[in-house]
Protein backbone atom coordinates (compact mmCIF):
# COMPACT_ATOMS: atom_id res chain seq x y z
CA MET A 1 107.44 69.14 66.09
CA ARG A 2 104.44 70.28 68.07
CA GLY A 3 104.22 72.81 70.88
CA LEU A 4 102.19 71.73 73.85
CA SER A 5 99.99 74.65 74.77
CA ARG A 6 96.31 73.88 74.24
CA LEU A 7 94.71 76.56 72.05
CA ILE A 8 90.96 76.91 71.58
CA PRO A 9 89.74 79.65 69.21
CA VAL A 10 86.77 81.47 70.74
CA ILE A 11 86.23 84.42 68.38
CA GLY A 12 87.28 84.48 64.75
CA GLY A 13 86.46 85.82 61.34
CA ALA A 14 87.73 82.58 59.78
CA VAL A 15 87.70 78.93 60.69
CA ALA A 16 90.56 78.20 63.08
CA GLY A 17 91.64 74.63 63.64
CA GLY A 18 92.87 72.96 66.79
CA VAL A 19 94.44 69.63 67.53
CA ILE A 20 92.25 69.00 70.54
CA ALA A 21 89.20 71.24 70.22
CA VAL A 22 87.71 73.48 67.57
CA VAL A 23 85.32 76.39 68.03
CA VAL A 24 84.06 78.11 64.89
CA ALA A 25 82.37 81.52 65.18
CA SER A 26 80.26 82.47 62.17
CA GLY A 27 77.49 84.99 62.66
CA SER A 28 75.46 83.96 65.69
CA THR A 29 76.20 80.25 65.38
CA THR A 30 78.97 78.64 67.41
CA THR A 31 79.93 75.00 67.06
CA HIS A 32 81.94 73.16 69.69
CA SER A 33 83.85 70.00 68.96
CA THR A 34 85.91 68.32 71.63
CA THR A 35 87.95 65.19 71.94
CA THR A 36 87.76 63.08 75.08
CA THR A 37 90.90 61.24 76.05
CA VAL A 38 90.61 58.06 78.10
CA LEU A 39 93.60 57.64 80.37
CA GLN A 40 94.56 54.02 80.93
CA PRO A 41 95.81 53.18 84.43
CA SER A 42 99.48 52.46 84.79
CA SER A 43 100.44 48.88 85.48
CA ALA A 44 102.50 50.02 88.45
CA SER A 45 101.99 52.82 90.94
CA THR A 46 105.65 53.33 91.70
CA ILE A 47 108.90 53.58 89.83
CA PRO A 48 110.35 50.05 89.47
CA THR A 49 113.13 49.29 91.93
CA SER A 50 115.57 49.04 89.05
CA LEU A 51 114.85 52.64 88.10
CA THR A 52 114.83 54.32 91.50
CA GLY A 53 118.48 55.33 91.47
CA THR A 54 118.87 59.08 90.97
CA ILE A 55 121.47 61.12 89.16
CA THR A 56 123.18 61.67 92.51
CA GLY A 57 123.40 57.94 93.16
CA SER A 58 120.96 57.83 96.09
CA ARG A 59 117.65 56.00 96.19
CA GLY A 60 114.88 57.94 94.48
CA LEU A 61 111.29 58.71 95.40
CA THR A 62 108.22 56.92 94.08
CA VAL A 63 105.90 58.64 91.64
CA ASN A 64 103.35 59.13 94.41
CA GLN A 65 105.96 60.69 96.71
CA ILE A 66 107.09 63.05 93.95
CA TYR A 67 103.50 64.04 93.20
CA ARG A 68 102.67 64.71 96.86
CA ALA A 69 105.86 66.73 97.31
CA ASP A 70 105.60 68.84 94.16
CA SER A 71 101.97 69.08 93.02
CA PRO A 72 101.25 72.11 95.29
CA GLY A 73 103.99 73.92 93.34
CA VAL A 74 102.52 73.13 89.89
CA VAL A 75 99.82 75.50 88.61
CA ASP A 76 97.29 75.45 85.78
CA ILE A 77 97.57 78.48 83.47
CA THR A 78 94.74 79.73 81.26
CA VAL A 79 95.48 82.52 78.82
CA THR A 80 93.43 84.80 76.60
CA GLN A 81 95.45 85.70 73.54
CA GLN A 82 94.97 88.00 70.56
CA SER A 83 96.44 86.35 67.52
CA SER A 84 96.62 86.74 63.76
CA GLY A 85 98.18 83.31 63.34
CA GLY A 86 100.51 80.92 65.13
CA PRO A 87 103.66 81.93 67.06
CA GLY A 88 105.89 79.83 64.83
CA PRO A 89 106.33 76.51 63.05
CA GLY A 90 105.10 73.63 65.18
CA PHE A 91 103.64 75.89 67.86
CA GLY A 92 100.37 77.17 66.34
CA PHE A 93 97.18 75.14 66.05
CA GLY A 94 95.71 76.74 62.95
CA GLY A 95 94.62 80.23 62.14
CA GLY A 96 93.93 82.84 59.54
CA GLY A 97 92.73 86.35 60.27
CA THR A 98 92.72 88.06 63.66
CA GLN A 99 91.14 85.96 66.38
CA GLN A 100 90.91 85.70 70.11
CA THR A 101 91.99 82.38 71.57
CA GLN A 102 92.08 80.75 74.95
CA GLY A 103 95.16 78.71 75.73
CA GLU A 104 96.01 76.38 78.55
CA GLY A 105 99.31 75.21 79.94
CA ALA A 106 101.07 74.68 83.24
CA GLY A 107 103.70 76.40 85.34
CA VAL A 108 106.12 75.89 88.20
CA VAL A 109 106.28 78.07 91.32
CA TYR A 110 109.85 79.40 91.42
CA ASP A 111 109.99 81.49 94.59
CA THR A 112 107.89 82.94 97.41
CA LYS A 113 107.68 86.33 95.67
CA GLY A 114 105.07 84.91 93.31
CA ASP A 115 107.29 84.18 90.32
CA ILE A 116 106.15 81.22 88.20
CA LEU A 117 108.06 79.57 85.35
CA THR A 118 106.36 78.49 82.14
CA ASP A 119 106.95 78.31 78.38
CA GLU A 120 107.02 81.49 76.31
CA HIS A 121 104.58 80.07 73.79
CA VAL A 122 102.00 79.53 76.55
CA VAL A 123 101.75 83.27 77.30
CA ASP A 124 102.73 84.72 73.91
CA ASN A 125 100.47 87.67 72.99
CA ALA A 126 98.51 87.21 76.21
CA THR A 127 95.89 89.80 77.10
CA GLN A 128 94.92 87.98 80.30
CA VAL A 129 96.65 85.24 82.31
CA THR A 130 94.94 83.34 85.13
CA VAL A 131 96.70 80.92 87.46
CA THR A 132 94.87 78.19 89.38
CA PHE A 133 96.62 76.54 92.31
CA GLN A 134 96.10 72.96 93.42
CA ASP A 135 93.70 74.01 96.21
CA GLY A 136 91.49 75.88 93.71
CA VAL A 137 92.71 79.41 94.49
CA LYS A 138 92.76 81.56 91.33
CA ALA A 139 94.86 84.66 90.71
CA ASN A 140 95.50 86.96 87.80
CA ALA A 141 99.12 86.94 86.67
CA LYS A 142 101.38 89.52 85.06
CA VAL A 143 103.81 88.43 82.37
CA LEU A 144 107.10 89.55 83.88
CA GLY A 145 109.19 88.69 80.83
CA THR A 146 109.68 86.20 78.02
CA ASP A 147 112.47 84.86 75.84
CA PRO A 148 111.29 83.34 72.55
CA SER A 149 114.84 82.17 71.79
CA THR A 150 114.64 79.65 74.63
CA ASP A 151 110.82 79.44 74.98
CA VAL A 152 111.05 80.50 78.64
CA ALA A 153 108.73 82.93 80.41
CA VAL A 154 108.20 84.18 83.96
CA ILE A 155 104.79 85.29 85.20
CA ARG A 156 104.06 86.80 88.62
CA VAL A 157 101.06 86.53 90.92
CA SER A 158 100.17 88.41 94.07
CA VAL A 159 99.01 85.81 96.60
CA PRO A 160 99.86 85.01 100.24
CA SER A 161 103.22 83.30 100.60
CA SER A 162 101.42 80.33 102.17
CA GLU A 163 99.97 79.63 98.71
CA LEU A 164 103.41 79.41 97.11
CA HIS A 165 105.37 76.16 97.17
CA PRO A 166 108.57 76.61 95.15
CA ILE A 167 110.16 73.56 93.53
CA SER A 168 113.95 73.43 93.36
CA LEU A 169 115.71 73.16 90.02
CA ALA A 170 117.90 70.15 89.32
CA ASP A 171 121.29 70.26 87.57
CA SER A 172 120.16 69.27 84.09
CA SER A 173 123.74 68.73 82.92
CA ALA A 174 123.89 65.66 85.18
CA ALA A 175 120.87 63.96 83.58
CA GLN A 176 121.61 60.55 82.10
CA VAL A 177 119.73 58.24 79.76
CA GLY A 178 117.54 55.91 81.81
CA ASP A 179 117.05 58.28 84.75
CA PRO A 180 113.42 58.13 85.98
CA VAL A 181 111.29 61.24 85.45
CA VAL A 182 107.77 62.42 86.28
CA ALA A 183 105.70 65.02 84.40
CA ILE A 184 102.87 67.04 85.95
CA GLY A 185 100.61 69.30 83.91
CA SER A 186 97.20 69.98 82.41
CA PRO A 187 96.87 67.86 79.26
CA PHE A 188 93.43 68.04 77.63
CA SER A 189 92.30 70.43 80.41
CA LEU A 190 93.01 67.83 83.11
CA PRO A 191 95.11 69.66 85.74
CA GLU A 192 97.45 67.70 88.01
CA THR A 193 97.76 64.87 85.51
CA THR A 194 100.88 62.92 86.43
CA THR A 195 102.82 60.59 84.14
CA SER A 196 106.16 58.86 84.51
CA GLY A 197 108.92 57.57 82.28
CA ILE A 198 112.64 57.90 81.76
CA VAL A 199 115.15 60.24 80.19
CA SER A 200 115.22 58.83 76.66
CA GLN A 201 118.17 60.96 75.54
CA VAL A 202 119.98 64.19 76.41
CA GLY A 203 121.52 66.92 74.30
CA ARG A 204 118.70 67.09 71.76
CA SER A 205 118.05 70.22 69.69
CA ILE A 206 114.53 71.63 69.33
CA GLU A 207 113.20 74.68 67.54
CA ALA A 208 112.33 77.82 69.49
CA PRO A 209 109.19 79.85 68.64
CA ASN A 210 111.34 82.43 66.79
CA GLY A 211 113.11 79.83 64.67
CA TYR A 212 116.38 79.52 66.57
CA THR A 213 117.71 76.28 68.04
CA ILE A 214 117.34 75.40 71.72
CA PRO A 215 120.28 73.11 72.55
CA GLY A 216 120.52 70.58 75.35
CA ALA A 217 116.85 69.58 75.38
CA ILE A 218 115.92 66.50 77.39
CA GLN A 219 113.99 63.81 75.53
CA THR A 220 111.54 61.67 77.51
CA ASP A 221 108.98 58.94 76.94
CA ALA A 222 106.79 60.20 79.81
CA ALA A 223 103.39 60.96 78.26
CA ILE A 224 103.01 64.70 77.65
CA ASN A 225 100.29 66.29 75.52
CA PRO A 226 98.83 69.72 74.67
CA GLY A 227 98.30 71.42 78.03
CA ASN A 228 101.56 70.08 79.51
CA SER A 229 103.52 73.08 78.18
CA GLY A 230 105.40 74.87 80.93
CA GLY A 231 104.83 72.11 83.47
CA PRO A 232 107.77 70.40 85.13
CA LEU A 233 109.69 67.32 84.14
CA LEU A 234 110.84 66.14 87.57
CA ASP A 235 113.75 63.91 88.52
CA ALA A 236 113.69 61.18 91.17
CA ASN A 237 114.60 63.75 93.83
CA ALA A 238 111.43 65.74 93.02
CA HIS A 239 113.49 68.55 91.47
CA VAL A 240 112.70 70.27 88.16
CA LEU A 241 114.87 68.76 85.43
CA GLY A 242 113.21 70.85 82.72
CA LEU A 243 110.01 72.51 81.48
CA ASN A 244 107.93 70.34 79.15
CA ASP A 245 107.87 72.03 75.77
CA GLN A 246 107.25 69.97 72.65
CA ILE A 247 106.28 66.57 71.31
CA GLN A 248 107.12 64.88 68.06
CA THR A 249 103.93 63.40 66.68
CA ASN A 250 101.98 62.55 63.55
CA SER A 251 98.63 62.49 65.35
CA GLY A 252 98.79 65.57 67.56
CA SER A 253 98.96 63.44 70.71
CA SER A 254 101.82 61.85 72.59
CA ALA A 255 103.78 59.23 70.71
CA GLY A 256 106.30 58.80 73.51
CA VAL A 257 108.75 61.36 72.14
CA GLY A 258 108.65 64.55 74.19
CA PHE A 259 111.16 67.28 74.90
CA ALA A 260 111.82 69.54 77.88
CA ILE A 261 113.86 72.74 78.06
CA PRO A 262 116.80 71.95 80.40
CA SER A 263 116.56 73.43 83.88
CA ASN A 264 120.02 75.02 83.79
CA LEU A 265 118.96 77.10 80.79
CA VAL A 266 115.54 77.83 82.32
CA GLY A 267 117.12 79.03 85.56
CA ARG A 268 119.63 81.29 83.82
CA VAL A 269 117.01 82.98 81.67
CA ALA A 270 114.46 83.22 84.50
CA ASN A 271 116.97 84.89 86.83
CA GLU A 272 117.75 87.50 84.17
CA ILE A 273 114.05 88.17 83.62
CA ILE A 274 113.36 88.51 87.35
CA ALA A 275 116.34 90.85 87.74
CA GLY A 276 114.94 93.05 84.99
CA GLN A 277 117.89 92.43 82.68
CA PRO A 278 117.38 92.31 78.91
CA ILE A 279 117.75 88.84 77.46
CA ARG A 280 120.49 88.93 74.84
CA HIS A 281 121.92 85.92 73.04
CA SER A 282 125.11 85.74 71.05
CA TYR A 283 124.85 85.52 67.29
CA VAL A 284 127.25 84.07 64.73
CA GLY A 285 125.05 84.02 61.64
CA VAL A 286 125.59 80.56 60.21
CA GLU A 287 123.27 77.74 59.26
CA LEU A 288 124.72 74.42 60.38
CA SER A 289 124.44 70.78 59.45
CA GLN A 290 125.72 67.70 61.24
CA SER A 291 129.06 66.32 60.07
CA SER A 292 129.72 62.58 60.07
CA THR A 293 133.29 63.31 61.19
CA GLY A 294 132.31 65.53 64.12
CA GLY A 295 132.29 69.30 64.42
CA ALA A 296 129.74 71.77 63.10
CA GLN A 297 129.43 72.01 59.31
CA VAL A 298 128.60 75.45 57.92
CA SER A 299 125.84 75.16 55.31
CA SER A 300 125.37 78.87 54.69
CA VAL A 301 126.43 82.25 56.05
CA ALA A 302 123.95 85.08 56.63
CA SER A 303 124.80 88.27 54.77
CA GLY A 304 126.14 91.01 57.05
CA SER A 305 126.53 88.63 59.99
CA PRO A 306 129.54 88.32 62.29
CA ALA A 307 130.48 85.12 60.48
CA ALA A 308 130.44 86.88 57.12
CA SER A 309 132.59 89.72 58.49
CA ALA A 310 135.08 87.21 59.90
CA GLY A 311 135.40 85.37 56.58
CA ILE A 312 133.58 82.15 57.50
CA GLN A 313 132.50 80.32 54.34
CA SER A 314 129.91 77.75 53.41
CA GLY A 315 131.53 74.33 53.69
CA ASP A 316 133.79 75.25 56.62
CA LEU A 317 133.89 72.68 59.40
CA ILE A 318 134.10 74.27 62.86
CA THR A 319 136.13 71.96 65.11
CA ALA A 320 136.88 74.14 68.16
CA VAL A 321 135.91 77.34 69.98
CA ASN A 322 138.71 79.00 71.95
CA GLY A 323 140.58 75.71 71.78
CA GLN A 324 137.68 73.66 73.13
CA ALA A 325 136.90 70.78 70.77
CA ILE A 326 133.46 70.84 69.14
CA SER A 327 131.97 67.45 68.32
CA SER A 328 128.50 68.45 67.07
CA THR A 329 126.32 71.34 65.96
CA GLU A 330 124.46 71.14 69.29
CA GLN A 331 127.71 71.59 71.23
CA PHE A 332 128.71 74.55 69.08
CA ILE A 333 125.36 76.31 69.64
CA ALA A 334 125.45 75.66 73.39
CA THR A 335 129.08 76.82 73.65
CA VAL A 336 128.50 80.07 71.77
CA ASP A 337 125.43 80.84 73.89
CA ASN A 338 127.65 80.87 76.98
CA PHE A 339 129.42 83.98 75.67
CA ALA A 340 127.96 87.47 75.82
CA PRO A 341 127.34 89.47 72.65
CA GLY A 342 130.41 91.55 71.81
CA LYS A 343 132.80 88.89 73.04
CA GLN A 344 135.61 87.94 70.68
CA ILE A 345 136.15 84.23 70.19
CA THR A 346 138.53 82.14 68.13
CA LEU A 347 137.17 79.44 65.84
CA THR A 348 139.22 76.54 64.57
CA ILE A 349 138.00 75.42 61.17
CA LYS A 350 138.88 72.95 58.47
CA ARG A 351 138.68 74.23 54.91
CA GLY A 352 139.93 72.46 51.82
CA GLY A 353 142.06 70.06 53.83
CA GLN A 354 143.71 72.86 55.84
CA THR A 355 143.17 73.92 59.45
CA LYS A 356 142.71 77.64 60.11
CA THR A 357 141.97 79.83 63.13
CA ILE A 358 139.61 82.76 62.67
CA GLY A 359 138.78 85.49 65.16
CA LEU A 360 135.12 86.46 65.37
CA THR A 361 133.28 89.09 67.39
CA LEU A 362 129.87 87.82 68.45
CA GLY A 363 126.83 89.87 67.57
CA THR A 364 123.42 90.10 69.24
CA ARG A 365 120.86 87.62 67.98
CA PRO A 366 118.04 89.18 65.91
CA GLN A 367 114.48 88.72 67.12
CA SER A 368 113.84 85.97 64.61
CA SER A 369 116.16 83.59 62.83
CA PRO A 370 117.13 84.67 59.30
CA ALA A 371 118.64 81.25 58.55
CA GLY A 372 119.85 79.35 61.57
CA GLY A 373 121.98 80.50 64.53
């Protein structure tokens, strides 16, 4: 899995690699190597008539209409970062030794106060963040808050309200396979690049920068590449369905399998950040595997975790939370995340052919995953 922020090492004591560009600093000699991407024109300038229905059942907008409506609310983000390596598996683009890097991603204007949504890994360890609006206006941004467990961040700029064009969030829980989507971002340092596709699947699980699982991710075949991170995945109503976050690839470029953080999760975390509230996630302390019979199979239990204290064992199959049936590991993770730390829940499990109910008091998730969620 590959994060989508574009990282270019600019100062380093060791060679630092990049998927798209490499800059090696050694003494007084600097070598630049870049890759040029040729974008092939689409065979159609609008969403086919068969795909213009929206998740609300009304006729959708064309790609051009969505771009014209929303592009003023999509910004290019350049970041100077101090790093001693990558932020996590699948998110770094090489490293070794302390180095200064420049990263690039995208963001979505959230409100007229200057709040902008992006991915946490875009602004991680940032020493300077610069936002460029569609009309060329540049502004320095402050990182208001981040949540590495969901890869969501909010940055804030001080600009006239006339420069801010917020884009509404969609209800990501209503997304369906086949729904048309549009992505806008800055792949390969090409701001305002617009691509289209469909929702390929919903309810996917992707890995957060700190090793935890982000449930409910939206999979799309819309072309997204390094530099698209934090930009919007838009539905046919020109609303934000999610923030583009990762691609699955063997080459480092789009293979038609991309993932976006769902807007419902983005909105919840962003509102907490803006309100100045600490971001706390519930913690059970189990590593899970998918069961062919449904439910969430416990592979291991972290020592000293709430699960260990409650008597959960490796091999247990979790089939319900507070009486609500659990059909998959993804559903279990998403369900638990809806409860606040300290909340007591009741798990229904199958163990050795018997069904048991176990009470468990949720803990607070550690900063990084010891072994699953």
